[in-house]
Amino acid sequence: MPSILKRSHVNPRFSMILLVCTLLISTSGYSAAPLPGKTPSKPSPGRVSTLSGDWEIPYDGEGFISFDSENGIVMQPAVSSTPYETHAALALSALTKAHPMKDFQVMIRASTEEQLRTPTPNSWEVFSIYFNYNADNEIQKNTNYLKLTDNGLELGTLSDKIGQTFLATSKSRTLTIGKIYTYMLTKKGNHIDISIDGDSVASFTGSNSPNNLYDAPGAIGLFTEDARVHIYSVEILPL
């Protein structure tokens, strides 16, 4: 049987548009950490399990996150029904929280099964990959992100301090709701190569700040905003 984690929390979302919006924020917290006294071993090539003990949950968006060894991870935040409301969920690899990674190759099979916002969802409300994620505290978070939307591929950074920076976009591939995609990211320093389903779709090399990837060691995470997403497998290779 799959395990399900559920708690009340609405993510203090990084703004996806250049507007100041009022968000509904819950202050509760929960972390599905490894067993007490047990630290994940250092990263080694191979698949990361989709069981709850291998993931930490900073927030679930007042919905649920289920874990199953065979069927993967399902993340479903609560439904948002007003323009200034959003619900998001984040799962961080416990392995990469315990042993932050700077350079890596990660492969994730995932789908955006349904966009949940009513009456009309936004194009950016889909599955996202977070990498080099750092959180000094609840209000000082930085991460790189990658997402595939119906408008194309989007690579950028998110920061509580400076907001969102778009680094690269590509229309060579667009999202179909319900379709499973295999994402591969290979990051070395300020360079990243991205492929989807075995096809190279984008490469990016940073220049001067703020047009740089965050290059500090950090965690790899699975993120969704106002969408039900299904993650089938995660593989991580430190470089």
C-alpha atoms as a PDB file:
ATOM      1  CA  MET A   1       0.000   0.000   0.000  1.00  0.00           C
ATOM      2  CA  PRO A   2       1.268   3.505  -0.752  1.00  0.00           C
ATOM      3  CA  SER A   3       2.080   5.793   2.153  1.00  0.00           C
ATOM      4  CA  ILE A   4       0.451   9.214   2.208  1.00  0.00           C
ATOM      5  CA  LEU A   5       1.736  12.363   3.878  1.00  0.00           C
ATOM      6  CA  LYS A   6      -0.730  15.163   4.454  1.00  0.00           C
ATOM      7  CA  ARG A   7      -0.613  18.433   6.336  1.00  0.00           C
ATOM      8  CA  SER A   8      -1.909  21.970   6.165  1.00  0.00           C
ATOM      9  CA  HIS A   9       0.415  24.316   4.315  1.00  0.00           C
ATOM     10  CA  VAL A  10       0.140  26.754   1.433  1.00  0.00           C
ATOM     11  CA  ASN A  11       3.476  27.487  -0.193  1.00  0.00           C
ATOM     12  CA  PRO A  12       4.781  31.090  -0.073  1.00  0.00           C
ATOM     13  CA  ARG A  13       5.141  30.800  -3.824  1.00  0.00           C
ATOM     14  CA  PHE A  14       7.848  32.469  -5.843  1.00  0.00           C
ATOM     15  CA  SER A  15       5.883  34.790  -8.166  1.00  0.00           C
ATOM     16  CA  MET A  16       5.611  33.490 -11.710  1.00  0.00           C
ATOM     17  CA  ILE A  17       4.533  36.867 -13.093  1.00  0.00           C
ATOM     18  CA  LEU A  18       5.966  40.296 -12.437  1.00  0.00           C
ATOM     19  CA  LEU A  19       3.106  41.341 -10.156  1.00  0.00           C
ATOM     20  CA  VAL A  20       2.852  41.545  -6.397  1.00  0.00           C
ATOM     21  CA  CYS A  21       0.074  39.182  -5.376  1.00  0.00           C
ATOM     22  CA  THR A  22      -1.416  38.487  -1.979  1.00  0.00           C
ATOM     23  CA  LEU A  23      -1.075  34.790  -1.205  1.00  0.00           C
ATOM     24  CA  LEU A  24      -2.831  32.711   1.404  1.00  0.00           C
ATOM     25  CA  ILE A  25      -0.059  31.340   3.604  1.00  0.00           C
ATOM     26  CA  SER A  26      -0.213  28.687   6.291  1.00  0.00           C
ATOM     27  CA  THR A  27       2.519  28.555   8.886  1.00  0.00           C
ATOM     28  CA  SER A  28       2.428  24.880   9.789  1.00  0.00           C
ATOM     29  CA  GLY A  29       5.404  22.668   9.033  1.00  0.00           C
ATOM     30  CA  TYR A  30       6.204  19.026   8.473  1.00  0.00           C
ATOM     31  CA  SER A  31       9.233  17.085   7.350  1.00  0.00           C
ATOM     32  CA  ALA A  32       9.216  13.453   6.313  1.00  0.00           C
ATOM     33  CA  ALA A  33      12.847  12.823   7.190  1.00  0.00           C
ATOM     34  CA  PRO A  34      14.777   9.571   7.353  1.00  0.00           C
ATOM     35  CA  LEU A  35      14.530   7.521  10.533  1.00  0.00           C
ATOM     36  CA  PRO A  36      15.928   9.273  13.636  1.00  0.00           C
ATOM     37  CA  GLY A  37      19.655   8.773  13.991  1.00  0.00           C
ATOM     38  CA  LYS A  38      19.977   7.470  10.449  1.00  0.00           C
ATOM     39  CA  THR A  39      21.740   9.665   7.885  1.00  0.00           C
ATOM     40  CA  PRO A  40      21.459   8.736   4.197  1.00  0.00           C
ATOM     41  CA  SER A  41      24.671   7.330   2.781  1.00  0.00           C
ATOM     42  CA  LYS A  42      26.708   9.429   0.380  1.00  0.00           C
ATOM     43  CA  PRO A  43      25.322   9.647  -3.181  1.00  0.00           C
ATOM     44  CA  SER A  44      26.175   6.813  -5.534  1.00  0.00           C
ATOM     45  CA  PRO A  45      24.984   6.099  -9.061  1.00  0.00           C
ATOM     46  CA  GLY A  46      21.508   4.662  -9.280  1.00  0.00           C
ATOM     47  CA  ARG A  47      17.840   5.086  -8.663  1.00  0.00           C
ATOM     48  CA  VAL A  48      16.463   6.964  -5.675  1.00  0.00           C
ATOM     49  CA  SER A  49      13.584   5.117  -4.057  1.00  0.00           C
ATOM     50  CA  THR A  50      10.090   6.563  -4.191  1.00  0.00           C
ATOM     51  CA  LEU A  51       9.390   5.644  -0.564  1.00  0.00           C
ATOM     52  CA  SER A  52       8.622   8.380   1.963  1.00  0.00           C
ATOM     53  CA  GLY A  53      11.765   7.769   4.036  1.00  0.00           C
ATOM     54  CA  ASP A  54      13.937   8.985   1.158  1.00  0.00           C
ATOM     55  CA  TRP A  55      12.164  12.332   0.783  1.00  0.00           C
ATOM     56  CA  GLU A  56      11.642  15.422   2.931  1.00  0.00           C
ATOM     57  CA  ILE A  57       8.421  17.409   2.569  1.00  0.00           C
ATOM     58  CA  PRO A  58       8.742  21.133   3.384  1.00  0.00           C
ATOM     59  CA  TYR A  59       5.081  21.648   2.379  1.00  0.00           C
ATOM     60  CA  ASP A  60       2.259  19.820   0.607  1.00  0.00           C
ATOM     61  CA  GLY A  61      -0.056  22.691  -0.294  1.00  0.00           C
ATOM     62  CA  GLU A  62      -2.930  21.515   1.955  1.00  0.00           C
ATOM     63  CA  GLY A  63      -3.225  18.428  -0.201  1.00  0.00           C
ATOM     64  CA  PHE A  64      -1.341  15.134  -0.139  1.00  0.00           C
ATOM     65  CA  ILE A  65       1.808  13.424  -1.335  1.00  0.00           C
ATOM     66  CA  SER A  66       1.728   9.643  -1.718  1.00  0.00           C
ATOM     67  CA  PHE A  67       4.741   7.354  -1.985  1.00  0.00           C
ATOM     68  CA  ASP A  68       4.835   3.884  -3.481  1.00  0.00           C
ATOM     69  CA  SER A  69       7.835   1.708  -4.300  1.00  0.00           C
ATOM     70  CA  GLU A  70       6.342   0.543  -7.597  1.00  0.00           C
ATOM     71  CA  ASN A  71       3.973   3.297  -8.679  1.00  0.00           C
ATOM     72  CA  GLY A  72       6.115   6.268  -7.704  1.00  0.00           C
ATOM     73  CA  ILE A  73       5.196   9.583  -6.102  1.00  0.00           C
ATOM     74  CA  VAL A  74       1.942  11.485  -6.582  1.00  0.00           C
ATOM     75  CA  MET A  75       1.771  15.118  -5.478  1.00  0.00           C
ATOM     76  CA  GLN A  76      -1.604  16.848  -5.350  1.00  0.00           C
ATOM     77  CA  PRO A  77      -2.017  20.220  -3.600  1.00  0.00           C
ATOM     78  CA  ALA A  78      -5.435  21.654  -2.791  1.00  0.00           C
ATOM     79  CA  VAL A  79      -7.492  23.353  -5.503  1.00  0.00           C
ATOM     80  CA  SER A  80      -7.077  27.121  -5.920  1.00  0.00           C
ATOM     81  CA  SER A  81     -10.171  29.013  -7.012  1.00  0.00           C
ATOM     82  CA  THR A  82      -9.241  32.702  -6.752  1.00  0.00           C
ATOM     83  CA  PRO A  83      -6.566  34.665  -8.681  1.00  0.00           C
ATOM     84  CA  TYR A  84      -4.566  35.517  -5.543  1.00  0.00           C
ATOM     85  CA  GLU A  85      -4.560  31.998  -4.108  1.00  0.00           C
ATOM     86  CA  THR A  86      -2.038  29.288  -4.854  1.00  0.00           C
ATOM     87  CA  HIS A  87      -1.204  25.861  -3.467  1.00  0.00           C
ATOM     88  CA  ALA A  88       2.117  24.140  -4.043  1.00  0.00           C
ATOM     89  CA  ALA A  89       3.997  21.064  -2.864  1.00  0.00           C
ATOM     90  CA  LEU A  90       7.698  20.320  -2.616  1.00  0.00           C
ATOM     91  CA  ALA A  91       9.546  17.040  -2.014  1.00  0.00           C
ATOM     92  CA  LEU A  92      13.322  17.138  -1.524  1.00  0.00           C
ATOM     93  CA  SER A  93      15.636  14.165  -1.929  1.00  0.00           C
ATOM     94  CA  ALA A  94      16.825  13.298   1.588  1.00  0.00           C
ATOM     95  CA  LEU A  95      20.044  11.979   0.072  1.00  0.00           C
ATOM     96  CA  THR A  96      20.884  15.347  -1.481  1.00  0.00           C
ATOM     97  CA  LYS A  97      19.766  17.224   1.627  1.00  0.00           C
ATOM     98  CA  ALA A  98      22.221  15.232   3.724  1.00  0.00           C
ATOM     99  CA  HIS A  99      24.935  15.421   1.043  1.00  0.00           C
ATOM    100  CA  PRO A 100      24.304  18.573  -1.050  1.00  0.00           C
ATOM    101  CA  MET A 101      25.291  18.276  -4.677  1.00  0.00           C
ATOM    102  CA  LYS A 102      26.866  20.944  -6.872  1.00  0.00           C
ATOM    103  CA  ASP A 103      27.376  19.064 -10.139  1.00  0.00           C
ATOM    104  CA  PHE A 104      25.289  16.081 -11.171  1.00  0.00           C
ATOM    105  CA  GLN A 105      23.281  14.231 -13.743  1.00  0.00           C
ATOM    106  CA  VAL A 106      19.655  13.567 -12.854  1.00  0.00           C
ATOM    107  CA  MET A 107      17.005  11.672 -14.808  1.00  0.00           C
ATOM    108  CA  ILE A 108      13.332  11.915 -13.836  1.00  0.00           C
ATOM    109  CA  ARG A 109      10.275  10.316 -15.448  1.00  0.00           C
ATOM    110  CA  ALA A 110       7.223  12.386 -14.643  1.00  0.00           C
ATOM    111  CA  SER A 111       3.928  13.715 -15.910  1.00  0.00           C
ATOM    112  CA  THR A 112       1.611  16.612 -15.140  1.00  0.00           C
ATOM    113  CA  GLU A 113      -1.613  14.635 -14.850  1.00  0.00           C
ATOM    114  CA  GLU A 114      -4.023  17.499 -14.235  1.00  0.00           C
ATOM    115  CA  GLN A 115      -3.973  21.259 -13.697  1.00  0.00           C
ATOM    116  CA  LEU A 116      -6.168  21.908 -10.667  1.00  0.00           C
ATOM    117  CA  ARG A 117      -6.888  25.654 -10.618  1.00  0.00           C
ATOM    118  CA  THR A 118     -10.495  26.629 -11.309  1.00  0.00           C
ATOM    119  CA  PRO A 119     -11.961  27.952 -13.441  1.00  0.00           C
ATOM    120  CA  THR A 120      -8.906  28.490 -15.683  1.00  0.00           C
ATOM    121  CA  PRO A 121      -5.394  27.172 -14.940  1.00  0.00           C
ATOM    122  CA  ASN A 122      -2.211  29.084 -15.756  1.00  0.00           C
ATOM    123  CA  SER A 123       0.321  27.649 -18.194  1.00  0.00           C
ATOM    124  CA  TRP A 124       3.118  27.605 -15.598  1.00  0.00           C
ATOM    125  CA  GLU A 125       1.162  25.437 -13.139  1.00  0.00           C
ATOM    126  CA  VAL A 126       2.920  22.159 -13.941  1.00  0.00           C
ATOM    127  CA  PHE A 127       5.606  19.796 -12.646  1.00  0.00           C
ATOM    128  CA  SER A 128       9.007  21.401 -12.009  1.00  0.00           C
ATOM    129  CA  ILE A 129      12.456  20.099 -11.097  1.00  0.00           C
ATOM    130  CA  TYR A 130      14.360  22.060  -8.435  1.00  0.00           C
ATOM    131  CA  PHE A 131      18.143  21.691  -8.236  1.00  0.00           C
ATOM    132  CA  ASN A 132      20.933  23.247  -6.164  1.00  0.00           C
ATOM    133  CA  TYR A 133      18.125  24.075  -3.721  1.00  0.00           C
ATOM    134  CA  ASN A 134      19.264  25.875  -0.567  1.00  0.00           C
ATOM    135  CA  ALA A 135      17.189  27.084   2.362  1.00  0.00           C
ATOM    136  CA  ASP A 136      19.001  28.943   5.155  1.00  0.00           C
ATOM    137  CA  ASN A 137      15.602  29.325   6.788  1.00  0.00           C
ATOM    138  CA  GLU A 138      11.922  29.468   5.791  1.00  0.00           C
ATOM    139  CA  ILE A 139      12.263  32.915   4.224  1.00  0.00           C
ATOM    140  CA  GLN A 140      15.691  32.632   2.590  1.00  0.00           C
ATOM    141  CA  LYS A 141      15.499  30.062  -0.187  1.00  0.00           C
ATOM    142  CA  ASN A 142      17.360  29.862  -3.506  1.00  0.00           C
ATOM    143  CA  THR A 143      17.054  27.308  -6.280  1.00  0.00           C
ATOM    144  CA  ASN A 144      17.418  26.613  -9.976  1.00  0.00           C
ATOM    145  CA  TYR A 145      14.340  25.226 -11.681  1.00  0.00           C
ATOM    146  CA  LEU A 146      13.287  23.559 -14.908  1.00  0.00           C
ATOM    147  CA  LYS A 147       9.759  23.086 -16.191  1.00  0.00           C
ATOM    148  CA  LEU A 148       7.986  22.115 -19.393  1.00  0.00           C
ATOM    149  CA  THR A 149       4.767  24.015 -20.157  1.00  0.00           C
ATOM    150  CA  ASP A 150       2.421  24.281 -23.121  1.00  0.00           C
ATOM    151  CA  ASN A 151       4.524  27.296 -24.126  1.00  0.00           C
ATOM    152  CA  GLY A 152       7.795  25.345 -24.106  1.00  0.00           C
ATOM    153  CA  LEU A 153      10.769  24.659 -21.868  1.00  0.00           C
ATOM    154  CA  GLU A 154      11.707  27.147 -19.139  1.00  0.00           C
ATOM    155  CA  LEU A 155      14.963  27.315 -17.143  1.00  0.00           C
ATOM    156  CA  GLY A 156      15.478  29.845 -14.387  1.00  0.00           C
ATOM    157  CA  THR A 157      16.284  30.685 -10.792  1.00  0.00           C
ATOM    158  CA  LEU A 158      14.044  31.475  -7.838  1.00  0.00           C
ATOM    159  CA  SER A 159      15.045  33.487  -4.797  1.00  0.00           C
ATOM    160  CA  ASP A 160      13.064  34.808  -1.864  1.00  0.00           C
ATOM    161  CA  LYS A 161      15.335  37.849  -1.910  1.00  0.00           C
ATOM    162  CA  ILE A 162      15.371  38.829  -5.601  1.00  0.00           C
ATOM    163  CA  GLY A 163      12.458  36.872  -7.052  1.00  0.00           C
ATOM    164  CA  GLN A 164      12.471  34.981 -10.326  1.00  0.00           C
ATOM    165  CA  THR A 165      15.025  35.174 -13.131  1.00  0.00           C
ATOM    166  CA  PHE A 166      14.391  33.580 -16.510  1.00  0.00           C
ATOM    167  CA  LEU A 167      17.626  32.137 -17.922  1.00  0.00           C
ATOM    168  CA  ALA A 168      16.557  30.273 -21.045  1.00  0.00           C
ATOM    169  CA  THR A 169      13.451  29.159 -22.925  1.00  0.00           C
ATOM    170  CA  SER A 170      12.902  26.796 -25.829  1.00  0.00           C
ATOM    171  CA  LYS A 171       9.857  25.966 -27.914  1.00  0.00           C
ATOM    172  CA  SER A 172      11.420  22.804 -29.339  1.00  0.00           C
ATOM    173  CA  ARG A 173       9.230  20.768 -26.984  1.00  0.00           C
ATOM    174  CA  THR A 174       5.872  21.603 -25.380  1.00  0.00           C
ATOM    175  CA  LEU A 175       3.853  19.923 -22.642  1.00  0.00           C
ATOM    176  CA  THR A 176       0.906  17.613 -23.192  1.00  0.00           C
ATOM    177  CA  ILE A 177      -1.123  17.101 -20.019  1.00  0.00           C
ATOM    178  CA  GLY A 178      -1.075  13.456 -18.961  1.00  0.00           C
ATOM    179  CA  LYS A 179       1.965  12.482 -21.044  1.00  0.00           C
ATOM    180  CA  ILE A 180       5.012  10.954 -19.318  1.00  0.00           C
ATOM    181  CA  TYR A 181       8.328  12.647 -20.105  1.00  0.00           C
ATOM    182  CA  THR A 182      11.882  11.594 -19.282  1.00  0.00           C
ATOM    183  CA  TYR A 183      13.914  14.625 -18.232  1.00  0.00           C
ATOM    184  CA  MET A 184      17.704  14.477 -18.098  1.00  0.00           C
ATOM    185  CA  LEU A 185      19.757  17.343 -16.661  1.00  0.00           C
ATOM    186  CA  THR A 186      23.556  17.349 -16.700  1.00  0.00           C
ATOM    187  CA  LYS A 187      24.995  20.255 -14.711  1.00  0.00           C
ATOM    188  CA  LYS A 188      28.666  21.182 -14.365  1.00  0.00           C
ATOM    189  CA  GLY A 189      29.411  24.571 -12.841  1.00  0.00           C
ATOM    190  CA  ASN A 190      27.438  27.226 -14.674  1.00  0.00           C
ATOM    191  CA  HIS A 191      26.680  25.000 -17.641  1.00  0.00           C
ATOM    192  CA  ILE A 192      23.696  22.691 -18.054  1.00  0.00           C
ATOM    193  CA  ASP A 193      22.573  20.343 -20.831  1.00  0.00           C
ATOM    194  CA  ILE A 194      18.910  19.348 -20.947  1.00  0.00           C
ATOM    195  CA  SER A 195      17.302  16.503 -22.845  1.00  0.00           C
ATOM    196  CA  ILE A 196      13.724  15.242 -22.946  1.00  0.00           C
ATOM    197  CA  ASP A 197      12.923  11.691 -24.035  1.00  0.00           C
ATOM    198  CA  GLY A 198      16.487  11.297 -25.262  1.00  0.00           C
ATOM    199  CA  ASP A 199      16.457  14.411 -27.473  1.00  0.00           C
ATOM    200  CA  SER A 200      18.684  17.397 -26.664  1.00  0.00           C
ATOM    201  CA  VAL A 201      16.404  20.415 -26.216  1.00  0.00           C
ATOM    202  CA  ALA A 202      18.574  23.082 -24.574  1.00  0.00           C
ATOM    203  CA  SER A 203      22.027  24.005 -23.303  1.00  0.00           C
ATOM    204  CA  PHE A 204      22.843  26.996 -21.148  1.00  0.00           C
ATOM    205  CA  THR A 205      26.051  28.579 -19.888  1.00  0.00           C
ATOM    206  CA  GLY A 206      25.821  31.409 -17.385  1.00  0.00           C
ATOM    207  CA  SER A 207      27.497  34.762 -17.840  1.00  0.00           C
ATOM    208  CA  ASN A 208      27.298  37.534 -15.263  1.00  0.00           C
ATOM    209  CA  SER A 209      24.911  37.710 -12.318  1.00  0.00           C
ATOM    210  CA  PRO A 210      21.938  37.569 -12.297  1.00  0.00           C
ATOM    211  CA  ASN A 211      22.167  35.538 -15.521  1.00  0.00           C
ATOM    212  CA  ASN A 212      23.796  32.601 -13.757  1.00  0.00           C
ATOM    213  CA  LEU A 213      22.687  29.298 -12.378  1.00  0.00           C
ATOM    214  CA  TYR A 214      22.952  28.952  -8.617  1.00  0.00           C
ATOM    215  CA  ASP A 215      26.192  27.004  -8.369  1.00  0.00           C
ATOM    216  CA  ALA A 216      26.317  26.175  -4.660  1.00  0.00           C
ATOM    217  CA  PRO A 217      25.837  22.600  -3.428  1.00  0.00           C
ATOM    218  CA  GLY A 218      22.175  21.928  -2.746  1.00  0.00           C
ATOM    219  CA  ALA A 219      19.294  19.491  -2.893  1.00  0.00           C
ATOM    220  CA  ILE A 220      17.295  18.109  -5.797  1.00  0.00           C
ATOM    221  CA  GLY A 221      13.551  18.514  -5.467  1.00  0.00           C
ATOM    222  CA  LEU A 222      10.196  17.740  -7.060  1.00  0.00           C
ATOM    223  CA  PHE A 223       7.792  20.680  -7.175  1.00  0.00           C
ATOM    224  CA  THR A 224       4.237  21.327  -8.274  1.00  0.00           C
ATOM    225  CA  GLU A 225       2.039  24.379  -8.168  1.00  0.00           C
ATOM    226  CA  ASP A 226      -1.722  23.960  -8.580  1.00  0.00           C
ATOM    227  CA  ALA A 227      -1.297  20.682 -10.475  1.00  0.00           C
ATOM    228  CA  ARG A 228      -1.493  16.962  -9.801  1.00  0.00           C
ATOM    229  CA  VAL A 229       1.815  15.412 -10.853  1.00  0.00           C
ATOM    230  CA  HIS A 230       3.115  11.850 -10.944  1.00  0.00           C
ATOM    231  CA  ILE A 231       6.813  11.050 -10.621  1.00  0.00           C
ATOM    232  CA  TYR A 232       7.603   7.515 -11.740  1.00  0.00           C
ATOM    233  CA  SER A 233      11.345   7.340 -11.151  1.00  0.00           C
ATOM    234  CA  VAL A 234      14.336   9.439 -10.082  1.00  0.00           C
ATOM    235  CA  GLU A 235      17.976   8.664 -10.785  1.00  0.00           C
ATOM    236  CA  ILE A 236      20.870  10.781  -9.503  1.00  0.00           C
ATOM    237  CA  LEU A 237      24.539  10.605 -10.471  1.00  0.00           C
ATOM    238  CA  PRO A 238      26.989  12.994  -8.743  1.00  0.00           C
ATOM    239  CA  LEU A 239      29.657  14.391 -11.062  1.00  0.00           C
END
